[in-house]
């Protein structure tokens, strides 16, 4: 039992360290744009994964000034404008901020040309 608990703890720490390394790597790309895939959707925003496996959060406030509705964890929709973001969809994002100590990367939607 103790061995299993230690193994789970070790795996958790390994993931946290990996996130910090990914954030450190992305710090040099702040302000740059990338195409990524929407990998997870929550009420507070969506996560976009880049081809290099770095995952970052696009906060709901960055997507729309209007209230967004979450549909069964697979879509986030702005009812007023009709815009919708779906799990697995491609999204162009800009690296807005990086917190290396927490292993977090923040994205914002890239400006549409």
N, C-alpha and C. Protein backbone atom coordinates (compact mmCIF):
# COMPACT_ATOMS: atom_id res chain seq x y z
N UNK A 1 0.83 -1.19 0.00
CA UNK A 1 0.00 0.00 0.00
C UNK A 1 0.88 1.26 0.00
N UNK A 2 1.88 1.28 0.89
CA UNK A 2 2.76 2.43 0.98
C UNK A 2 3.55 2.62 -0.31
N UNK A 3 3.96 1.51 -0.91
CA UNK A 3 4.69 1.58 -2.17
C UNK A 3 3.83 2.22 -3.27
N UNK A 4 2.57 1.85 -3.35
CA UNK A 4 1.67 2.43 -4.35
C UNK A 4 1.46 3.91 -4.13
N UNK A 5 1.31 4.33 -2.87
CA UNK A 5 1.14 5.75 -2.56
C UNK A 5 2.37 6.54 -2.96
N UNK A 6 3.55 6.00 -2.69
CA UNK A 6 4.81 6.67 -3.05
C UNK A 6 4.95 6.75 -4.58
N UNK A 7 4.52 5.70 -5.26
CA UNK A 7 4.59 5.68 -6.72
C UNK A 7 3.69 6.75 -7.31
N UNK A 8 2.48 6.89 -6.79
CA UNK A 8 1.55 7.91 -7.26
C UNK A 8 2.12 9.30 -6.99
N UNK A 9 2.68 9.50 -5.81
CA UNK A 9 3.29 10.79 -5.47
C UNK A 9 4.45 11.11 -6.42
N UNK A 10 5.28 10.13 -6.71
CA UNK A 10 6.41 10.33 -7.62
C UNK A 10 5.93 10.70 -9.02
N UNK A 11 4.88 10.06 -9.49
CA UNK A 11 4.34 10.38 -10.82
C UNK A 11 3.77 11.80 -10.84
N UNK A 12 3.11 12.20 -9.77
CA UNK A 12 2.55 13.55 -9.68
C UNK A 12 3.66 14.60 -9.71
N UNK A 13 4.70 14.36 -8.94
CA UNK A 13 5.83 15.30 -8.90
C UNK A 13 6.50 15.36 -10.27
N UNK A 14 6.63 14.22 -10.92
CA UNK A 14 7.24 14.19 -12.25
C UNK A 14 6.44 15.03 -13.25
N UNK A 15 5.12 14.93 -13.20
CA UNK A 15 4.26 15.73 -14.09
C UNK A 15 4.40 17.22 -13.78
N UNK A 16 4.45 17.57 -12.50
CA UNK A 16 4.60 18.97 -12.11
C UNK A 16 5.92 19.55 -12.61
N UNK A 17 6.98 18.78 -12.47
CA UNK A 17 8.30 19.23 -12.94
C UNK A 17 8.29 19.37 -14.46
N UNK A 18 7.67 18.44 -15.15
CA UNK A 18 7.57 18.50 -16.61
C UNK A 18 6.83 19.77 -17.03
N UNK A 19 5.75 20.11 -16.32
CA UNK A 19 5.01 21.34 -16.62
C UNK A 19 5.89 22.57 -16.43
N UNK A 20 6.72 22.58 -15.40
CA UNK A 20 7.63 23.71 -15.16
C UNK A 20 8.65 23.83 -16.30
N UNK A 21 9.18 22.69 -16.75
CA UNK A 21 10.14 22.72 -17.87
C UNK A 21 9.47 23.22 -19.14
N UNK A 22 8.24 22.80 -19.38
CA UNK A 22 7.52 23.27 -20.58
C UNK A 22 7.27 24.77 -20.50
N UNK A 23 6.92 25.25 -19.31
CA UNK A 23 6.69 26.69 -19.13
C UNK A 23 8.00 27.46 -19.35
N UNK A 24 9.09 26.94 -18.82
CA UNK A 24 10.41 27.57 -19.01
C UNK A 24 10.73 27.66 -20.51
N UNK A 25 10.46 26.59 -21.23
CA UNK A 25 10.70 26.56 -22.68
C UNK A 25 9.86 27.62 -23.39
N UNK A 26 8.58 27.74 -23.00
CA UNK A 26 7.67 28.65 -23.69
C UNK A 26 7.92 30.11 -23.37
N UNK A 27 8.67 30.39 -22.30
CA UNK A 27 8.92 31.79 -21.92
C UNK A 27 9.57 32.57 -23.07
N UNK A 28 10.42 31.93 -23.84
CA UNK A 28 11.10 32.63 -24.94
C UNK A 28 10.16 32.95 -26.11
N UNK A 29 8.95 32.36 -26.10
CA UNK A 29 8.01 32.57 -27.19
C UNK A 29 6.87 33.51 -26.81
N UNK A 30 6.96 34.21 -25.68
CA UNK A 30 5.89 35.14 -25.29
C UNK A 30 5.64 36.14 -26.41
N UNK A 31 4.38 36.32 -26.74
CA UNK A 31 3.98 37.22 -27.82
C UNK A 31 3.87 36.56 -29.17
N UNK A 32 4.37 35.35 -29.32
CA UNK A 32 4.31 34.66 -30.61
C UNK A 32 3.02 33.87 -30.73
N UNK A 33 2.64 33.60 -31.98
CA UNK A 33 1.38 32.89 -32.26
C UNK A 33 1.65 31.46 -32.73
N UNK A 34 0.72 30.58 -32.35
CA UNK A 34 0.82 29.17 -32.71
C UNK A 34 -0.58 28.63 -33.00
N UNK A 35 -0.64 27.57 -33.80
CA UNK A 35 -1.88 26.83 -33.98
C UNK A 35 -1.87 25.66 -33.03
N UNK A 36 -3.00 25.46 -32.34
CA UNK A 36 -3.10 24.35 -31.41
C UNK A 36 -4.47 23.71 -31.49
N UNK A 37 -4.64 22.65 -30.73
CA UNK A 37 -5.90 21.91 -30.70
C UNK A 37 -6.53 22.09 -29.33
N UNK A 38 -7.83 22.35 -29.29
CA UNK A 38 -8.55 22.49 -28.03
C UNK A 38 -8.61 21.10 -27.39
N UNK A 39 -7.94 20.96 -26.25
CA UNK A 39 -7.81 19.65 -25.61
C UNK A 39 -8.75 19.46 -24.42
N UNK A 40 -9.28 20.55 -23.89
CA UNK A 40 -10.18 20.45 -22.74
C UNK A 40 -10.99 21.74 -22.65
N UNK A 41 -12.23 21.62 -22.19
CA UNK A 41 -13.11 22.79 -22.08
C UNK A 41 -13.73 22.81 -20.69
N UNK A 42 -13.67 23.98 -20.05
CA UNK A 42 -14.28 24.17 -18.74
C UNK A 42 -15.10 25.45 -18.77
N UNK A 43 -15.83 25.72 -17.71
CA UNK A 43 -16.63 26.94 -17.64
C UNK A 43 -15.75 28.19 -17.63
N UNK A 44 -14.53 28.08 -17.08
CA UNK A 44 -13.66 29.26 -16.97
C UNK A 44 -12.74 29.44 -18.17
N UNK A 45 -12.83 28.56 -19.16
CA UNK A 45 -12.02 28.70 -20.36
C UNK A 45 -11.74 27.38 -21.03
N UNK A 46 -10.75 27.39 -21.89
CA UNK A 46 -10.40 26.16 -22.59
C UNK A 46 -8.89 26.00 -22.64
N UNK A 47 -8.48 24.76 -22.72
CA UNK A 47 -7.06 24.44 -22.80
C UNK A 47 -6.73 24.11 -24.25
N UNK A 48 -5.61 24.67 -24.70
CA UNK A 48 -5.15 24.44 -26.07
C UNK A 48 -3.79 23.77 -25.99
N UNK A 49 -3.64 22.66 -26.72
CA UNK A 49 -2.37 21.95 -26.75
C UNK A 49 -1.67 22.21 -28.08
N UNK A 50 -0.42 22.61 -27.99
CA UNK A 50 0.40 22.87 -29.18
C UNK A 50 1.01 21.57 -29.68
N UNK A 51 1.49 21.54 -30.92
CA UNK A 51 2.12 20.32 -31.45
C UNK A 51 3.32 19.86 -30.62
N UNK A 52 3.96 20.77 -29.88
CA UNK A 52 5.11 20.40 -29.05
C UNK A 52 4.69 19.87 -27.68
N UNK A 53 3.41 19.59 -27.48
CA UNK A 53 2.77 19.04 -26.28
C UNK A 53 2.60 20.04 -25.14
N UNK A 54 2.96 21.30 -25.34
CA UNK A 54 2.72 22.31 -24.32
C UNK A 54 1.23 22.65 -24.33
N UNK A 55 0.64 22.68 -23.15
CA UNK A 55 -0.79 22.98 -23.02
C UNK A 55 -0.93 24.26 -22.21
N UNK A 56 -1.81 25.15 -22.67
CA UNK A 56 -2.04 26.40 -21.97
C UNK A 56 -3.52 26.73 -21.91
N UNK A 57 -3.86 27.66 -21.02
CA UNK A 57 -5.24 28.05 -20.79
C UNK A 57 -5.59 29.33 -21.53
N UNK A 58 -6.72 29.31 -22.22
CA UNK A 58 -7.32 30.52 -22.78
C UNK A 58 -8.52 30.81 -21.89
N UNK A 59 -8.44 31.87 -21.11
CA UNK A 59 -9.51 32.20 -20.17
C UNK A 59 -10.78 32.66 -20.89
N UNK A 60 -11.92 32.38 -20.30
CA UNK A 60 -13.21 32.74 -20.90
C UNK A 60 -13.30 34.24 -21.18
N UNK A 61 -12.73 35.06 -20.29
CA UNK A 61 -12.77 36.51 -20.48
C UNK A 61 -12.02 36.94 -21.75
N UNK A 62 -11.03 36.16 -22.15
CA UNK A 62 -10.28 36.47 -23.37
C UNK A 62 -11.04 36.06 -24.62
N UNK A 63 -11.99 35.15 -24.47
CA UNK A 63 -12.76 34.67 -25.61
C UNK A 63 -13.91 35.61 -25.94
N UNK A 64 -14.57 36.13 -24.89
CA UNK A 64 -15.76 36.95 -25.13
C UNK A 64 -16.07 37.79 -23.89
N UNK A 65 -16.63 38.96 -24.13
CA UNK A 65 -17.09 39.81 -23.02
C UNK A 65 -18.44 39.32 -22.51
N UNK A 66 -19.12 38.54 -23.32
CA UNK A 66 -20.44 38.01 -22.96
C UNK A 66 -20.29 36.73 -22.14
N UNK A 67 -21.37 36.34 -21.50
CA UNK A 67 -21.37 35.08 -20.76
C UNK A 67 -21.29 33.91 -21.73
N UNK A 68 -20.55 32.89 -21.34
CA UNK A 68 -20.40 31.70 -22.17
C UNK A 68 -21.12 30.53 -21.52
N UNK A 69 -21.65 29.65 -22.36
CA UNK A 69 -22.32 28.46 -21.83
C UNK A 69 -21.51 27.22 -22.20
N UNK A 70 -21.40 26.32 -21.25
CA UNK A 70 -20.69 25.07 -21.44
C UNK A 70 -21.69 23.98 -21.78
N UNK A 71 -21.42 23.25 -22.85
CA UNK A 71 -22.31 22.18 -23.27
C UNK A 71 -21.62 20.84 -23.05
N UNK A 72 -22.01 20.15 -21.99
CA UNK A 72 -21.55 18.80 -21.68
C UNK A 72 -20.03 18.64 -21.76
N UNK A 73 -19.28 19.67 -21.46
CA UNK A 73 -17.83 19.58 -21.45
C UNK A 73 -17.19 19.45 -22.81
N UNK A 74 -17.96 19.63 -23.89
CA UNK A 74 -17.38 19.49 -25.23
C UNK A 74 -17.46 20.76 -26.07
N UNK A 75 -18.17 21.76 -25.59
CA UNK A 75 -18.28 23.00 -26.35
C UNK A 75 -18.51 24.17 -25.41
N UNK A 76 -17.96 25.32 -25.80
CA UNK A 76 -18.17 26.57 -25.09
C UNK A 76 -18.74 27.53 -26.11
N UNK A 77 -19.87 28.16 -25.77
CA UNK A 77 -20.58 28.96 -26.77
C UNK A 77 -20.95 30.33 -26.22
N UNK A 78 -20.74 31.34 -27.07
CA UNK A 78 -21.18 32.71 -26.79
C UNK A 78 -22.55 32.85 -27.44
N UNK A 79 -23.58 32.88 -26.64
CA UNK A 79 -24.95 32.89 -27.16
C UNK A 79 -25.24 34.15 -27.98
N UNK A 80 -24.72 35.30 -27.55
CA UNK A 80 -25.02 36.55 -28.26
C UNK A 80 -24.38 36.62 -29.64
N UNK A 81 -23.11 36.21 -29.75
CA UNK A 81 -22.44 36.31 -31.05
C UNK A 81 -22.56 35.03 -31.87
N UNK A 82 -22.88 33.91 -31.22
CA UNK A 82 -22.98 32.64 -31.92
C UNK A 82 -21.65 31.91 -32.07
N UNK A 83 -20.56 32.52 -31.60
CA UNK A 83 -19.26 31.85 -31.69
C UNK A 83 -19.23 30.63 -30.79
N UNK A 84 -18.55 29.59 -31.26
CA UNK A 84 -18.49 28.35 -30.49
C UNK A 84 -17.10 27.75 -30.63
N UNK A 85 -16.61 27.19 -29.53
CA UNK A 85 -15.34 26.50 -29.50
C UNK A 85 -15.61 25.07 -29.06
N UNK A 86 -15.13 24.10 -29.87
CA UNK A 86 -15.42 22.69 -29.59
C UNK A 86 -14.14 21.92 -29.32
N UNK A 87 -14.29 20.89 -28.50
CA UNK A 87 -13.20 19.98 -28.19
C UNK A 87 -12.64 19.41 -29.49
N UNK A 88 -11.34 19.45 -29.67
CA UNK A 88 -10.71 18.94 -30.87
C UNK A 88 -10.57 19.96 -31.99
N UNK A 89 -11.17 21.13 -31.81
CA UNK A 89 -11.07 22.18 -32.82
C UNK A 89 -9.70 22.82 -32.84
N UNK A 90 -9.33 23.37 -33.98
CA UNK A 90 -8.05 24.05 -34.12
C UNK A 90 -8.24 25.52 -33.78
N UNK A 91 -7.28 26.07 -33.05
CA UNK A 91 -7.38 27.47 -32.62
C UNK A 91 -6.00 28.11 -32.69
N UNK A 92 -5.95 29.31 -33.23
CA UNK A 92 -4.69 30.08 -33.27
C UNK A 92 -4.62 30.89 -31.98
N UNK A 93 -3.51 30.74 -31.26
CA UNK A 93 -3.34 31.42 -29.98
C UNK A 93 -2.01 32.17 -29.94
N UNK A 94 -1.97 33.15 -29.03
CA UNK A 94 -0.74 33.90 -28.76
C UNK A 94 -0.34 33.63 -27.32
N UNK A 95 0.94 33.42 -27.09
CA UNK A 95 1.44 33.19 -25.73
C UNK A 95 1.37 34.53 -24.99
N UNK A 96 0.51 34.60 -23.97
CA UNK A 96 0.28 35.85 -23.24
C UNK A 96 1.09 35.95 -21.97
N UNK A 97 1.38 34.82 -21.35
CA UNK A 97 2.13 34.85 -20.11
C UNK A 97 2.57 33.46 -19.71
N UNK A 98 3.63 33.43 -18.89
CA UNK A 98 4.18 32.16 -18.45
C UNK A 98 4.55 32.29 -16.97
N UNK A 99 4.14 31.32 -16.18
CA UNK A 99 4.51 31.24 -14.77
C UNK A 99 5.30 29.95 -14.58
N UNK A 100 6.62 30.07 -14.63
CA UNK A 100 7.48 28.89 -14.57
C UNK A 100 7.34 28.16 -13.25
N UNK A 101 7.26 28.89 -12.13
CA UNK A 101 7.20 28.24 -10.82
C UNK A 101 5.93 27.40 -10.65
N UNK A 102 4.86 27.79 -11.31
CA UNK A 102 3.61 27.02 -11.25
C UNK A 102 3.45 26.07 -12.43
N UNK A 103 4.27 26.25 -13.46
CA UNK A 103 4.18 25.40 -14.65
C UNK A 103 2.99 25.76 -15.52
N UNK A 104 2.59 27.04 -15.50
CA UNK A 104 1.40 27.47 -16.26
C UNK A 104 1.78 28.32 -17.46
N UNK A 105 1.08 28.09 -18.56
CA UNK A 105 1.21 28.90 -19.76
C UNK A 105 -0.17 29.46 -20.06
N UNK A 106 -0.24 30.78 -20.24
CA UNK A 106 -1.51 31.43 -20.58
C UNK A 106 -1.49 31.85 -22.03
N UNK A 107 -2.59 31.54 -22.71
CA UNK A 107 -2.78 31.94 -24.10
C UNK A 107 -3.94 32.91 -24.19
N UNK A 108 -3.94 33.68 -25.26
CA UNK A 108 -5.11 34.47 -25.66
C UNK A 108 -5.35 34.16 -27.13
N UNK A 109 -6.59 34.32 -27.59
CA UNK A 109 -6.84 34.09 -29.02
C UNK A 109 -5.98 35.05 -29.85
N UNK A 110 -5.42 34.57 -30.93
CA UNK A 110 -4.63 35.43 -31.81
C UNK A 110 -5.57 36.39 -32.53
N UNK A 111 -5.07 37.57 -32.83
CA UNK A 111 -5.88 38.55 -33.56
C UNK A 111 -6.19 38.02 -34.95
N UNK A 112 -7.45 38.07 -35.30
CA UNK A 112 -7.86 37.61 -36.63
C UNK A 112 -7.54 38.69 -37.64
N UNK A 113 -6.94 38.29 -38.75
CA UNK A 113 -6.55 39.26 -39.78
C UNK A 113 -7.71 39.59 -40.67
